[in-house]
Amino acid sequence: MYYSNGNYEAFARPEKPEGVDRKSAYLVGSGLASLAAACFLVRDGQMTGEHIHILEELALPGGASDGINDP
């Protein structure tokens, strides 16, 4: 069992994955799931934003949260 008196987890960062600088990520759709995946790739995967591509079919990004009110 793990006990802690502080907030060590907030400052612990994973090691940079091997070969991440040579890889790219393509996310389909610009909804919340793709945006969250991009955030995790930057934070945990330490991938730069230039290597993350979000593909969207519509002119208005946002997926189900776009506010277009289209059923």
PDB file of N, CA and C in Angstrom:
ATOM      1  N   MET A   1       0.847  -1.177   0.000  1.00  0.00           N
ATOM      2  CA  MET A   1       0.000   0.000   0.000  1.00  0.00           C
ATOM      3  C   MET A   1       0.894   1.242   0.000  1.00  0.00           C
ATOM      4  N   TYR A   2       0.454   2.286  -0.660  1.00  0.00           N
ATOM      5  CA  TYR A   2       1.247   3.503  -0.804  1.00  0.00           C
ATOM      6  C   TYR A   2       0.640   4.626   0.024  1.00  0.00           C
ATOM      7  N   TYR A   3       1.462   5.245   0.850  1.00  0.00           N
ATOM      8  CA  TYR A   3       1.027   6.390   1.652  1.00  0.00           C
ATOM      9  C   TYR A   3       1.894   7.593   1.296  1.00  0.00           C
ATOM     10  N   SER A   4       1.280   8.755   1.250  1.00  0.00           N
ATOM     11  CA  SER A   4       2.020   9.965   0.913  1.00  0.00           C
ATOM     12  C   SER A   4       1.503  11.130   1.736  1.00  0.00           C
ATOM     13  N   ASN A   5       2.421  11.977   2.164  1.00  0.00           N
ATOM     14  CA  ASN A   5       2.048  13.188   2.895  1.00  0.00           C
ATOM     15  C   ASN A   5       1.996  14.402   1.984  1.00  0.00           C
ATOM     16  N   GLY A   6       2.372  14.235   0.753  1.00  0.00           N
ATOM     17  CA  GLY A   6       2.416  15.378  -0.148  1.00  0.00           C
ATOM     18  C   GLY A   6       1.705  15.093  -1.452  1.00  0.00           C
ATOM     19  N   ASN A   7       1.973  15.930  -2.411  1.00  0.00           N
ATOM     20  CA  ASN A   7       1.348  15.810  -3.713  1.00  0.00           C
ATOM     21  C   ASN A   7       2.413  15.432  -4.747  1.00  0.00           C
ATOM     22  N   TYR A   8       3.139  14.355  -4.459  1.00  0.00           N
ATOM     23  CA  TYR A   8       4.229  13.928  -5.329  1.00  0.00           C
ATOM     24  C   TYR A   8       3.743  13.620  -6.738  1.00  0.00           C
ATOM     25  N   GLU A   9       2.561  13.037  -6.864  1.00  0.00           N
ATOM     26  CA  GLU A   9       2.052  12.638  -8.169  1.00  0.00           C
ATOM     27  C   GLU A   9       1.871  13.821  -9.108  1.00  0.00           C
ATOM     28  N   ALA A  10       1.638  15.004  -8.557  1.00  0.00           N
ATOM     29  CA  ALA A  10       1.462  16.192  -9.394  1.00  0.00           C
ATOM     30  C   ALA A  10       2.769  16.602 -10.066  1.00  0.00           C
ATOM     31  N   PHE A  11       3.898  16.210  -9.482  1.00  0.00           N
ATOM     32  CA  PHE A  11       5.194  16.617 -10.020  1.00  0.00           C
ATOM     33  C   PHE A  11       5.926  15.478 -10.722  1.00  0.00           C
ATOM     34  N   ALA A  12       5.449  14.253 -10.578  1.00  0.00           N
ATOM     35  CA  ALA A  12       6.084  13.109 -11.234  1.00  0.00           C
ATOM     36  C   ALA A  12       5.708  13.101 -12.711  1.00  0.00           C
ATOM     37  N   ARG A  13       6.684  13.013 -13.557  1.00  0.00           N
ATOM     38  CA  ARG A  13       6.450  13.003 -14.999  1.00  0.00           C
ATOM     39  C   ARG A  13       7.012  11.712 -15.583  1.00  0.00           C
ATOM     40  N   PRO A  14       6.304  11.107 -16.539  1.00  0.00           N
ATOM     41  CA  PRO A  14       6.831   9.890 -17.163  1.00  0.00           C
ATOM     42  C   PRO A  14       8.039  10.207 -18.041  1.00  0.00           C
ATOM     43  N   GLU A  15       8.862   9.188 -18.263  1.00  0.00           N
ATOM     44  CA  GLU A  15      10.002   9.362 -19.154  1.00  0.00           C
ATOM     45  C   GLU A  15       9.510   9.502 -20.593  1.00  0.00           C
ATOM     46  N   LYS A  16      10.293  10.195 -21.394  1.00  0.00           N
ATOM     47  CA  LYS A  16       9.929  10.397 -22.797  1.00  0.00           C
ATOM     48  C   LYS A  16      10.028   9.062 -23.528  1.00  0.00           C
ATOM     49  N   PRO A  17       8.961   8.649 -24.224  1.00  0.00           N
ATOM     50  CA  PRO A  17       8.992   7.377 -24.951  1.00  0.00           C
ATOM     51  C   PRO A  17      10.038   7.395 -26.064  1.00  0.00           C
ATOM     52  N   GLU A  18      10.634   6.247 -26.284  1.00  0.00           N
ATOM     53  CA  GLU A  18      11.661   6.132 -27.313  1.00  0.00           C
ATOM     54  C   GLU A  18      11.041   6.282 -28.705  1.00  0.00           C
ATOM     55  N   GLY A  19      11.616   7.132 -29.520  1.00  0.00           N
ATOM     56  CA  GLY A  19      11.170   7.306 -30.898  1.00  0.00           C
ATOM     57  C   GLY A  19       9.956   8.199 -31.078  1.00  0.00           C
ATOM     58  N   VAL A  20       9.520   8.894 -30.039  1.00  0.00           N
ATOM     59  CA  VAL A  20       8.315   9.722 -30.161  1.00  0.00           C
ATOM     60  C   VAL A  20       8.532  10.898 -31.117  1.00  0.00           C
ATOM     61  N   ASP A  21       9.768  11.320 -31.289  1.00  0.00           N
ATOM     62  CA  ASP A  21      10.047  12.446 -32.185  1.00  0.00           C
ATOM     63  C   ASP A  21       9.897  12.069 -33.654  1.00  0.00           C
ATOM     64  N   ARG A  22       9.900  10.772 -33.957  1.00  0.00           N
ATOM     65  CA  ARG A  22       9.762  10.317 -35.342  1.00  0.00           C
ATOM     66  C   ARG A  22       8.348   9.855 -35.661  1.00  0.00           C
ATOM     67  N   LYS A  23       7.431   9.972 -34.730  1.00  0.00           N
ATOM     68  CA  LYS A  23       6.063   9.479 -34.922  1.00  0.00           C
ATOM     69  C   LYS A  23       5.078  10.630 -35.046  1.00  0.00           C
ATOM     70  N   SER A  24       3.939  10.346 -35.668  1.00  0.00           N
ATOM     71  CA  SER A  24       2.849  11.314 -35.796  1.00  0.00           C
ATOM     72  C   SER A  24       1.557  10.658 -35.346  1.00  0.00           C
ATOM     73  N   ALA A  25       0.619  11.480 -34.910  1.00  0.00           N
ATOM     74  CA  ALA A  25      -0.696  10.986 -34.502  1.00  0.00           C
ATOM     75  C   ALA A  25      -1.747  11.696 -35.340  1.00  0.00           C
ATOM     76  N   TYR A  26      -2.686  10.913 -35.878  1.00  0.00           N
ATOM     77  CA  TYR A  26      -3.799  11.448 -36.655  1.00  0.00           C
ATOM     78  C   TYR A  26      -5.082  11.097 -35.923  1.00  0.00           C
ATOM     79  N   LEU A  27      -5.811  12.106 -35.479  1.00  0.00           N
ATOM     80  CA  LEU A  27      -7.049  11.918 -34.730  1.00  0.00           C
ATOM     81  C   LEU A  27      -8.221  12.293 -35.630  1.00  0.00           C
ATOM     82  N   VAL A  28      -9.200  11.403 -35.717  1.00  0.00           N
ATOM     83  CA  VAL A  28     -10.349  11.611 -36.595  1.00  0.00           C
ATOM     84  C   VAL A  28     -11.467  12.268 -35.799  1.00  0.00           C
ATOM     85  N   GLY A  29     -11.885  13.458 -36.235  1.00  0.00           N
ATOM     86  CA  GLY A  29     -12.924  14.216 -35.545  1.00  0.00           C
ATOM     87  C   GLY A  29     -12.317  15.179 -34.547  1.00  0.00           C
ATOM     88  N   SER A  30     -13.007  16.287 -34.331  1.00  0.00           N
ATOM     89  CA  SER A  30     -12.491  17.305 -33.407  1.00  0.00           C
ATOM     90  C   SER A  30     -13.365  17.412 -32.168  1.00  0.00           C
ATOM     91  N   GLY A  31     -13.932  16.297 -31.752  1.00  0.00           N
ATOM     92  CA  GLY A  31     -14.760  16.280 -30.551  1.00  0.00           C
ATOM     93  C   GLY A  31     -13.921  16.219 -29.286  1.00  0.00           C
ATOM     94  N   LEU A  32     -14.607  16.049 -28.168  1.00  0.00           N
ATOM     95  CA  LEU A  32     -13.928  16.036 -26.875  1.00  0.00           C
ATOM     96  C   LEU A  32     -12.932  14.889 -26.757  1.00  0.00           C
ATOM     97  N   ALA A  33     -13.246  13.735 -27.318  1.00  0.00           N
ATOM     98  CA  ALA A  33     -12.343  12.587 -27.218  1.00  0.00           C
ATOM     99  C   ALA A  33     -11.027  12.850 -27.945  1.00  0.00           C
ATOM    100  N   SER A  34     -11.091  13.433 -29.126  1.00  0.00           N
ATOM    101  CA  SER A  34      -9.865  13.732 -29.867  1.00  0.00           C
ATOM    102  C   SER A  34      -9.052  14.815 -29.176  1.00  0.00           C
ATOM    103  N   LEU A  35      -9.725  15.820 -28.657  1.00  0.00           N
ATOM    104  CA  LEU A  35      -9.003  16.877 -27.949  1.00  0.00           C
ATOM    105  C   LEU A  35      -8.357  16.345 -26.682  1.00  0.00           C
ATOM    106  N   ALA A  36      -9.058  15.453 -25.973  1.00  0.00           N
ATOM    107  CA  ALA A  36      -8.480  14.842 -24.777  1.00  0.00           C
ATOM    108  C   ALA A  36      -7.297  13.953 -25.148  1.00  0.00           C
ATOM    109  N   ALA A  37      -7.429  13.195 -26.241  1.00  0.00           N
ATOM    110  CA  ALA A  37      -6.321  12.347 -26.687  1.00  0.00           C
ATOM    111  C   ALA A  37      -5.098  13.184 -27.040  1.00  0.00           C
ATOM    112  N   ALA A  38      -5.317  14.317 -27.692  1.00  0.00           N
ATOM    113  CA  ALA A  38      -4.206  15.202 -28.031  1.00  0.00           C
ATOM    114  C   ALA A  38      -3.537  15.742 -26.771  1.00  0.00           C
ATOM    115  N   CYS A  39      -4.325  16.089 -25.775  1.00  0.00           N
ATOM    116  CA  CYS A  39      -3.762  16.578 -24.509  1.00  0.00           C
ATOM    117  C   CYS A  39      -2.919  15.509 -23.832  1.00  0.00           C
ATOM    118  N   PHE A  40      -3.408  14.263 -23.823  1.00  0.00           N
ATOM    119  CA  PHE A  40      -2.646  13.175 -23.209  1.00  0.00           C
ATOM    120  C   PHE A  40      -1.377  12.858 -23.999  1.00  0.00           C
ATOM    121  N   LEU A  41      -1.435  12.982 -25.318  1.00  0.00           N
ATOM    122  CA  LEU A  41      -0.229  12.772 -26.115  1.00  0.00           C
ATOM    123  C   LEU A  41       0.831  13.817 -25.796  1.00  0.00           C
ATOM    124  N   VAL A  42       0.408  15.051 -25.576  1.00  0.00           N
ATOM    125  CA  VAL A  42       1.359  16.112 -25.243  1.00  0.00           C
ATOM    126  C   VAL A  42       1.878  15.931 -23.821  1.00  0.00           C
ATOM    127  N   ARG A  43       0.965  15.684 -22.879  1.00  0.00           N
ATOM    128  CA  ARG A  43       1.368  15.607 -21.471  1.00  0.00           C
ATOM    129  C   ARG A  43       2.114  14.318 -21.140  1.00  0.00           C
ATOM    130  N   ASP A  44       1.510  13.181 -21.440  1.00  0.00           N
ATOM    131  CA  ASP A  44       2.094  11.905 -21.031  1.00  0.00           C
ATOM    132  C   ASP A  44       3.032  11.319 -22.084  1.00  0.00           C
ATOM    133  N   GLY A  45       2.679  11.495 -23.356  1.00  0.00           N
ATOM    134  CA  GLY A  45       3.516  10.960 -24.424  1.00  0.00           C
ATOM    135  C   GLY A  45       4.638  11.883 -24.831  1.00  0.00           C
ATOM    136  N   GLN A  46       4.612  13.119 -24.354  1.00  0.00           N
ATOM    137  CA  GLN A  46       5.611  14.142 -24.654  1.00  0.00           C
ATOM    138  C   GLN A  46       5.816  14.306 -26.163  1.00  0.00           C
ATOM    139  N   MET A  47       4.707  14.224 -26.890  1.00  0.00           N
ATOM    140  CA  MET A  47       4.731  14.445 -28.336  1.00  0.00           C
ATOM    141  C   MET A  47       4.493  15.935 -28.591  1.00  0.00           C
ATOM    142  N   THR A  48       5.238  16.500 -29.521  1.00  0.00           N
ATOM    143  CA  THR A  48       5.052  17.920 -29.817  1.00  0.00           C
ATOM    144  C   THR A  48       3.773  18.125 -30.623  1.00  0.00           C
ATOM    145  N   GLY A  49       3.216  19.308 -30.526  1.00  0.00           N
ATOM    146  CA  GLY A  49       1.975  19.615 -31.220  1.00  0.00           C
ATOM    147  C   GLY A  49       2.082  19.564 -32.733  1.00  0.00           C
ATOM    148  N   GLU A  50       3.288  19.759 -33.262  1.00  0.00           N
ATOM    149  CA  GLU A  50       3.472  19.702 -34.714  1.00  0.00           C
ATOM    150  C   GLU A  50       3.238  18.303 -35.269  1.00  0.00           C
ATOM    151  N   HIS A  51       3.308  17.285 -34.421  1.00  0.00           N
ATOM    152  CA  HIS A  51       3.145  15.901 -34.868  1.00  0.00           C
ATOM    153  C   HIS A  51       1.743  15.364 -34.595  1.00  0.00           C
ATOM    154  N   ILE A  52       0.852  16.198 -34.089  1.00  0.00           N
ATOM    155  CA  ILE A  52      -0.520  15.783 -33.808  1.00  0.00           C
ATOM    156  C   ILE A  52      -1.438  16.461 -34.818  1.00  0.00           C
ATOM    157  N   HIS A  53      -2.201  15.665 -35.558  1.00  0.00           N
ATOM    158  CA  HIS A  53      -3.083  16.177 -36.604  1.00  0.00           C
ATOM    159  C   HIS A  53      -4.510  15.757 -36.283  1.00  0.00           C
ATOM    160  N   ILE A  54      -5.415  16.727 -36.235  1.00  0.00           N
ATOM    161  CA  ILE A  54      -6.829  16.455 -35.975  1.00  0.00           C
ATOM    162  C   ILE A  54      -7.588  16.676 -37.279  1.00  0.00           C
ATOM    163  N   LEU A  55      -8.244  15.628 -37.764  1.00  0.00           N
ATOM    164  CA  LEU A  55      -8.976  15.679 -39.031  1.00  0.00           C
ATOM    165  C   LEU A  55     -10.457  15.885 -38.747  1.00  0.00           C
ATOM    166  N   GLU A  56     -11.063  16.867 -39.400  1.00  0.00           N
ATOM    167  CA  GLU A  56     -12.484  17.171 -39.191  1.00  0.00           C
ATOM    168  C   GLU A  56     -13.167  17.296 -40.538  1.00  0.00           C
ATOM    169  N   GLU A  57     -14.311  16.642 -40.679  1.00  0.00           N
ATOM    170  CA  GLU A  57     -15.074  16.663 -41.926  1.00  0.00           C
ATOM    171  C   GLU A  57     -15.852  17.968 -42.090  1.00  0.00           C
ATOM    172  N   LEU A  58     -16.400  18.477 -41.012  1.00  0.00           N
ATOM    173  CA  LEU A  58     -17.272  19.652 -41.073  1.00  0.00           C
ATOM    174  C   LEU A  58     -16.478  20.950 -40.954  1.00  0.00           C
ATOM    175  N   ALA A  59     -17.109  22.038 -41.345  1.00  0.00           N
ATOM    176  CA  ALA A  59     -16.465  23.346 -41.237  1.00  0.00           C
ATOM    177  C   ALA A  59     -16.437  23.842 -39.799  1.00  0.00           C
ATOM    178  N   LEU A  60     -17.373  23.367 -38.983  1.00  0.00           N
ATOM    179  CA  LEU A  60     -17.460  23.789 -37.585  1.00  0.00           C
ATOM    180  C   LEU A  60     -16.892  22.695 -36.687  1.00  0.00           C
ATOM    181  N   PRO A  61     -15.768  22.944 -36.023  1.00  0.00           N
ATOM    182  CA  PRO A  61     -15.195  21.914 -35.155  1.00  0.00           C
ATOM    183  C   PRO A  61     -15.961  21.789 -33.844  1.00  0.00           C
ATOM    184  N   GLY A  62     -15.765  20.680 -33.172  1.00  0.00           N
ATOM    185  CA  GLY A  62     -16.353  20.518 -31.850  1.00  0.00           C
ATOM    186  C   GLY A  62     -17.136  19.244 -31.650  1.00  0.00           C
ATOM    187  N   GLY A  63     -17.396  18.489 -32.696  1.00  0.00           N
ATOM    188  CA  GLY A  63     -18.136  17.243 -32.548  1.00  0.00           C
ATOM    189  C   GLY A  63     -19.533  17.482 -32.017  1.00  0.00           C
ATOM    190  N   ALA A  64     -19.949  16.703 -31.023  1.00  0.00           N
ATOM    191  CA  ALA A  64     -21.287  16.834 -30.448  1.00  0.00           C
ATOM    192  C   ALA A  64     -21.426  18.102 -29.613  1.00  0.00           C
ATOM    193  N   SER A  65     -20.320  18.761 -29.296  1.00  0.00           N
ATOM    194  CA  SER A  65     -20.355  19.972 -28.472  1.00  0.00           C
ATOM    195  C   SER A  65     -20.226  21.242 -29.301  1.00  0.00           C
ATOM    196  N   ASP A  66     -20.557  21.173 -30.577  1.00  0.00           N
ATOM    197  CA  ASP A  66     -20.354  22.337 -31.441  1.00  0.00           C
ATOM    198  C   ASP A  66     -21.435  23.399 -31.306  1.00  0.00           C
ATOM    199  N   GLY A  67     -22.563  23.071 -30.694  1.00  0.00           N
ATOM    200  CA  GLY A  67     -23.620  24.050 -30.497  1.00  0.00           C
ATOM    201  C   GLY A  67     -24.452  24.317 -31.729  1.00  0.00           C
ATOM    202  N   ILE A  68     -24.386  23.476 -32.740  1.00  0.00           N
ATOM    203  CA  ILE A  68     -25.115  23.719 -33.984  1.00  0.00           C
ATOM    204  C   ILE A  68     -26.588  23.345 -33.858  1.00  0.00           C
ATOM    205  N   ASN A  69     -26.927  22.537 -32.855  1.00  0.00           N
ATOM    206  CA  ASN A  69     -28.309  22.110 -32.608  1.00  0.00           C
ATOM    207  C   ASN A  69     -28.858  21.317 -33.789  1.00  0.00           C
ATOM    208  N   ASP A  70     -28.045  20.434 -34.327  1.00  0.00           N
ATOM    209  CA  ASP A  70     -28.443  19.575 -35.447  1.00  0.00           C
ATOM    210  C   ASP A  70     -28.722  18.176 -34.907  1.00  0.00           C
ATOM    211  N   PRO A  71     -29.989  17.709 -34.978  1.00  0.00           N
ATOM    212  CA  PRO A  71     -30.306  16.394 -34.380  1.00  0.00           C
ATOM    213  C   PRO A  71     -29.665  15.230 -35.088  1.00  0.00           C
TER     214      PRO A  71
END
